[in-house]
Amino acid sequence: MRILLTRDSVAAGDDADAPHAETLSLPDHLDTPAALTALGLPRPRLPLIGGGRATWVVRTADGTPLAVLAQQWPQPHPLPAGAGPLDRLAGTDGTVRLHVEYRRQLDPEAEYERLLPG
């Protein structure tokens, strides 16, 4: 599957390359956590933030949150919308569009709870 991955900037000096777009390929039928890990999320793809704490939310092209990432977590924490194979989110051109939103040093557990439905 083809992934178009973008991410927020983390500082003014990081803005020069915004939105940090990359097109990557992954095997079809990977579930969201496996696909995000294969993409190098959160590490090594996301920048390291001073202090060792950063929270990120992976969103679909329509803004639906799929997972919470944290610099201090080794793996993504999928949200219910992230269940199932990631390639199901491909557009008509076959590309899955993902955006990684920087949530600064907010508590990743609190962000995860906030994004749960209901």
C-alpha atoms as a PDB file:
ATOM      1  CA  MET A   1       0.000   0.000   0.000  1.00  0.00           C
ATOM      2  CA  ARG A   2       1.099   3.543  -0.656  1.00  0.00           C
ATOM      3  CA  ILE A   3       1.147   5.965   2.294  1.00  0.00           C
ATOM      4  CA  LEU A   4       1.321   9.742   2.071  1.00  0.00           C
ATOM      5  CA  LEU A   5       2.550  10.781   5.494  1.00  0.00           C
ATOM      6  CA  THR A   6       2.652  14.373   6.712  1.00  0.00           C
ATOM      7  CA  ARG A   7       3.365  15.797  10.135  1.00  0.00           C
ATOM      8  CA  ASP A   8       3.127  19.051  12.056  1.00  0.00           C
ATOM      9  CA  SER A   9       6.213  21.130  12.674  1.00  0.00           C
ATOM     10  CA  VAL A  10       7.590  21.129  16.205  1.00  0.00           C
ATOM     11  CA  ALA A  11       9.408  24.490  16.188  1.00  0.00           C
ATOM     12  CA  ALA A  12       9.944  27.537  13.998  1.00  0.00           C
ATOM     13  CA  GLY A  13      13.133  26.089  12.525  1.00  0.00           C
ATOM     14  CA  ASP A  14      11.211  22.956  11.565  1.00  0.00           C
ATOM     15  CA  ASP A  15       8.724  24.960   9.459  1.00  0.00           C
ATOM     16  CA  ALA A  16      10.992  25.149   6.397  1.00  0.00           C
ATOM     17  CA  ASP A  17      10.014  21.625   5.304  1.00  0.00           C
ATOM     18  CA  ALA A  18       6.375  21.680   6.487  1.00  0.00           C
ATOM     19  CA  PRO A  19       4.226  19.657   6.060  1.00  0.00           C
ATOM     20  CA  HIS A  20       7.129  17.197   5.978  1.00  0.00           C
ATOM     21  CA  ALA A  21       5.434  15.044   3.317  1.00  0.00           C
ATOM     22  CA  GLU A  22       6.772  11.607   2.478  1.00  0.00           C
ATOM     23  CA  THR A  23       5.388   8.888   0.256  1.00  0.00           C
ATOM     24  CA  LEU A  24       6.178   5.418   1.544  1.00  0.00           C
ATOM     25  CA  SER A  25       5.238   1.848   0.633  1.00  0.00           C
ATOM     26  CA  LEU A  26       4.133  -0.903   2.997  1.00  0.00           C
ATOM     27  CA  PRO A  27       2.753  -4.398   2.502  1.00  0.00           C
ATOM     28  CA  ASP A  28      -1.031  -4.530   2.150  1.00  0.00           C
ATOM     29  CA  HIS A  29      -3.269  -5.717   4.983  1.00  0.00           C
ATOM     30  CA  LEU A  30      -1.108  -4.537   7.902  1.00  0.00           C
ATOM     31  CA  ASP A  31      -3.180  -3.489  10.890  1.00  0.00           C
ATOM     32  CA  THR A  32      -2.770   0.095  12.063  1.00  0.00           C
ATOM     33  CA  PRO A  33      -0.280  -0.514  14.922  1.00  0.00           C
ATOM     34  CA  ALA A  34       1.920  -2.735  12.714  1.00  0.00           C
ATOM     35  CA  ALA A  35       1.764  -0.230   9.848  1.00  0.00           C
ATOM     36  CA  LEU A  36       2.639   2.721  12.088  1.00  0.00           C
ATOM     37  CA  THR A  37       5.538   0.795  13.597  1.00  0.00           C
ATOM     38  CA  ALA A  38       6.739  -0.173  10.098  1.00  0.00           C
ATOM     39  CA  LEU A  39       6.580   3.519   9.153  1.00  0.00           C
ATOM     40  CA  GLY A  40       8.941   4.296  12.043  1.00  0.00           C
ATOM     41  CA  LEU A  41       6.314   5.926  14.249  1.00  0.00           C
ATOM     42  CA  PRO A  42       6.978   7.206  16.756  1.00  0.00           C
ATOM     43  CA  ARG A  43      10.712   6.568  16.308  1.00  0.00           C
ATOM     44  CA  PRO A  44      12.780   7.110  14.269  1.00  0.00           C
ATOM     45  CA  ARG A  45      10.527   9.152  11.960  1.00  0.00           C
ATOM     46  CA  LEU A  46       9.344  11.824  14.423  1.00  0.00           C
ATOM     47  CA  PRO A  47      11.755  14.422  15.783  1.00  0.00           C
ATOM     48  CA  LEU A  48      13.048  14.068  19.315  1.00  0.00           C
ATOM     49  CA  ILE A  49      11.734  16.734  21.652  1.00  0.00           C
ATOM     50  CA  GLY A  50      13.932  18.141  24.422  1.00  0.00           C
ATOM     51  CA  GLY A  51      12.935  16.741  27.796  1.00  0.00           C
ATOM     52  CA  GLY A  52      12.017  13.358  26.314  1.00  0.00           C
ATOM     53  CA  ARG A  53       8.258  13.912  26.340  1.00  0.00           C
ATOM     54  CA  ALA A  54       6.059  14.543  23.309  1.00  0.00           C
ATOM     55  CA  THR A  55       2.582  13.456  22.290  1.00  0.00           C
ATOM     56  CA  TRP A  56       1.334  12.949  18.743  1.00  0.00           C
ATOM     57  CA  VAL A  57      -2.015  11.903  17.229  1.00  0.00           C
ATOM     58  CA  VAL A  58      -2.155  10.066  13.899  1.00  0.00           C
ATOM     59  CA  ARG A  59      -5.177  11.167  11.876  1.00  0.00           C
ATOM     60  CA  THR A  60      -6.750  10.117   8.592  1.00  0.00           C
ATOM     61  CA  ALA A  61      -7.302  12.527   5.705  1.00  0.00           C
ATOM     62  CA  ASP A  62     -10.724  13.412   7.173  1.00  0.00           C
ATOM     63  CA  GLY A  63      -9.254  14.061  10.638  1.00  0.00           C
ATOM     64  CA  THR A  64     -10.336  10.822  12.317  1.00  0.00           C
ATOM     65  CA  PRO A  65      -7.837   9.918  15.067  1.00  0.00           C
ATOM     66  CA  LEU A  66      -6.318   6.458  14.576  1.00  0.00           C
ATOM     67  CA  ALA A  67      -3.672   6.280  17.290  1.00  0.00           C
ATOM     68  CA  VAL A  68      -1.795   8.181  19.951  1.00  0.00           C
ATOM     69  CA  LEU A  69       2.000   8.189  19.874  1.00  0.00           C
ATOM     70  CA  ALA A  70       4.357   9.379  22.561  1.00  0.00           C
ATOM     71  CA  GLN A  71       8.086   9.897  22.530  1.00  0.00           C
ATOM     72  CA  GLN A  72       8.187   8.005  25.822  1.00  0.00           C
ATOM     73  CA  TRP A  73       6.156   5.030  24.481  1.00  0.00           C
ATOM     74  CA  PRO A  74       7.853   2.340  22.389  1.00  0.00           C
ATOM     75  CA  GLN A  75       4.726   1.595  20.308  1.00  0.00           C
ATOM     76  CA  PRO A  76       1.581   3.317  19.021  1.00  0.00           C
ATOM     77  CA  HIS A  77      -1.594   3.093  21.092  1.00  0.00           C
ATOM     78  CA  PRO A  78      -4.402   2.503  18.566  1.00  0.00           C
ATOM     79  CA  LEU A  79      -7.825   4.053  18.994  1.00  0.00           C
ATOM     80  CA  PRO A  80     -11.006   2.186  17.976  1.00  0.00           C
ATOM     81  CA  ALA A  81     -11.012   3.856  14.529  1.00  0.00           C
ATOM     82  CA  GLY A  82      -7.567   2.353  14.007  1.00  0.00           C
ATOM     83  CA  ALA A  83      -8.829  -1.237  14.232  1.00  0.00           C
ATOM     84  CA  GLY A  84      -8.402  -3.340  11.123  1.00  0.00           C
ATOM     85  CA  PRO A  85      -6.088  -3.153   8.147  1.00  0.00           C
ATOM     86  CA  LEU A  86      -4.796   0.306   7.313  1.00  0.00           C
ATOM     87  CA  ASP A  87      -5.256  -0.164   3.561  1.00  0.00           C
ATOM     88  CA  ARG A  88      -9.036   0.037   4.063  1.00  0.00           C
ATOM     89  CA  LEU A  89      -8.492   3.812   4.388  1.00  0.00           C
ATOM     90  CA  ALA A  90      -7.035   4.203   0.898  1.00  0.00           C
ATOM     91  CA  GLY A  91      -8.574   6.819  -1.353  1.00  0.00           C
ATOM     92  CA  THR A  92      -9.701   6.199  -4.910  1.00  0.00           C
ATOM     93  CA  ASP A  93      -6.082   6.552  -6.053  1.00  0.00           C
ATOM     94  CA  GLY A  94      -5.009   3.757  -3.681  1.00  0.00           C
ATOM     95  CA  THR A  95      -3.122   6.074  -1.312  1.00  0.00           C
ATOM     96  CA  VAL A  96      -3.637   6.129   2.457  1.00  0.00           C
ATOM     97  CA  ARG A  97      -3.218   9.708   3.670  1.00  0.00           C
ATOM     98  CA  LEU A  98      -2.065  10.119   7.260  1.00  0.00           C
ATOM     99  CA  HIS A  99      -1.187  13.220   9.209  1.00  0.00           C
ATOM    100  CA  VAL A 100       0.693  13.216  12.513  1.00  0.00           C
ATOM    101  CA  GLU A 101      -0.507  16.042  14.734  1.00  0.00           C
ATOM    102  CA  TYR A 102       1.920  17.357  17.345  1.00  0.00           C
ATOM    103  CA  ARG A 103       0.219  17.709  20.744  1.00  0.00           C
ATOM    104  CA  ARG A 104       3.287  19.153  22.469  1.00  0.00           C
ATOM    105  CA  GLN A 105       4.070  17.761  25.908  1.00  0.00           C
ATOM    106  CA  LEU A 106       0.467  16.930  26.788  1.00  0.00           C
ATOM    107  CA  ASP A 107      -0.015  13.746  28.790  1.00  0.00           C
ATOM    108  CA  PRO A 108      -0.382  10.957  26.190  1.00  0.00           C
ATOM    109  CA  GLU A 109      -2.643   8.893  28.469  1.00  0.00           C
ATOM    110  CA  ALA A 110      -4.992  11.872  28.880  1.00  0.00           C
ATOM    111  CA  GLU A 111      -4.973  12.487  25.110  1.00  0.00           C
ATOM    112  CA  TYR A 112      -5.788   8.831  24.505  1.00  0.00           C
ATOM    113  CA  GLU A 113      -8.709   8.972  26.952  1.00  0.00           C
ATOM    114  CA  ARG A 114      -9.934  12.242  25.431  1.00  0.00           C
ATOM    115  CA  LEU A 115     -10.024  10.715  21.963  1.00  0.00           C
ATOM    116  CA  LEU A 116     -11.907   7.560  22.928  1.00  0.00           C
ATOM    117  CA  PRO A 117     -15.506   7.600  21.687  1.00  0.00           C
ATOM    118  CA  GLY A 118     -18.369   8.020  24.099  1.00  0.00           C
END
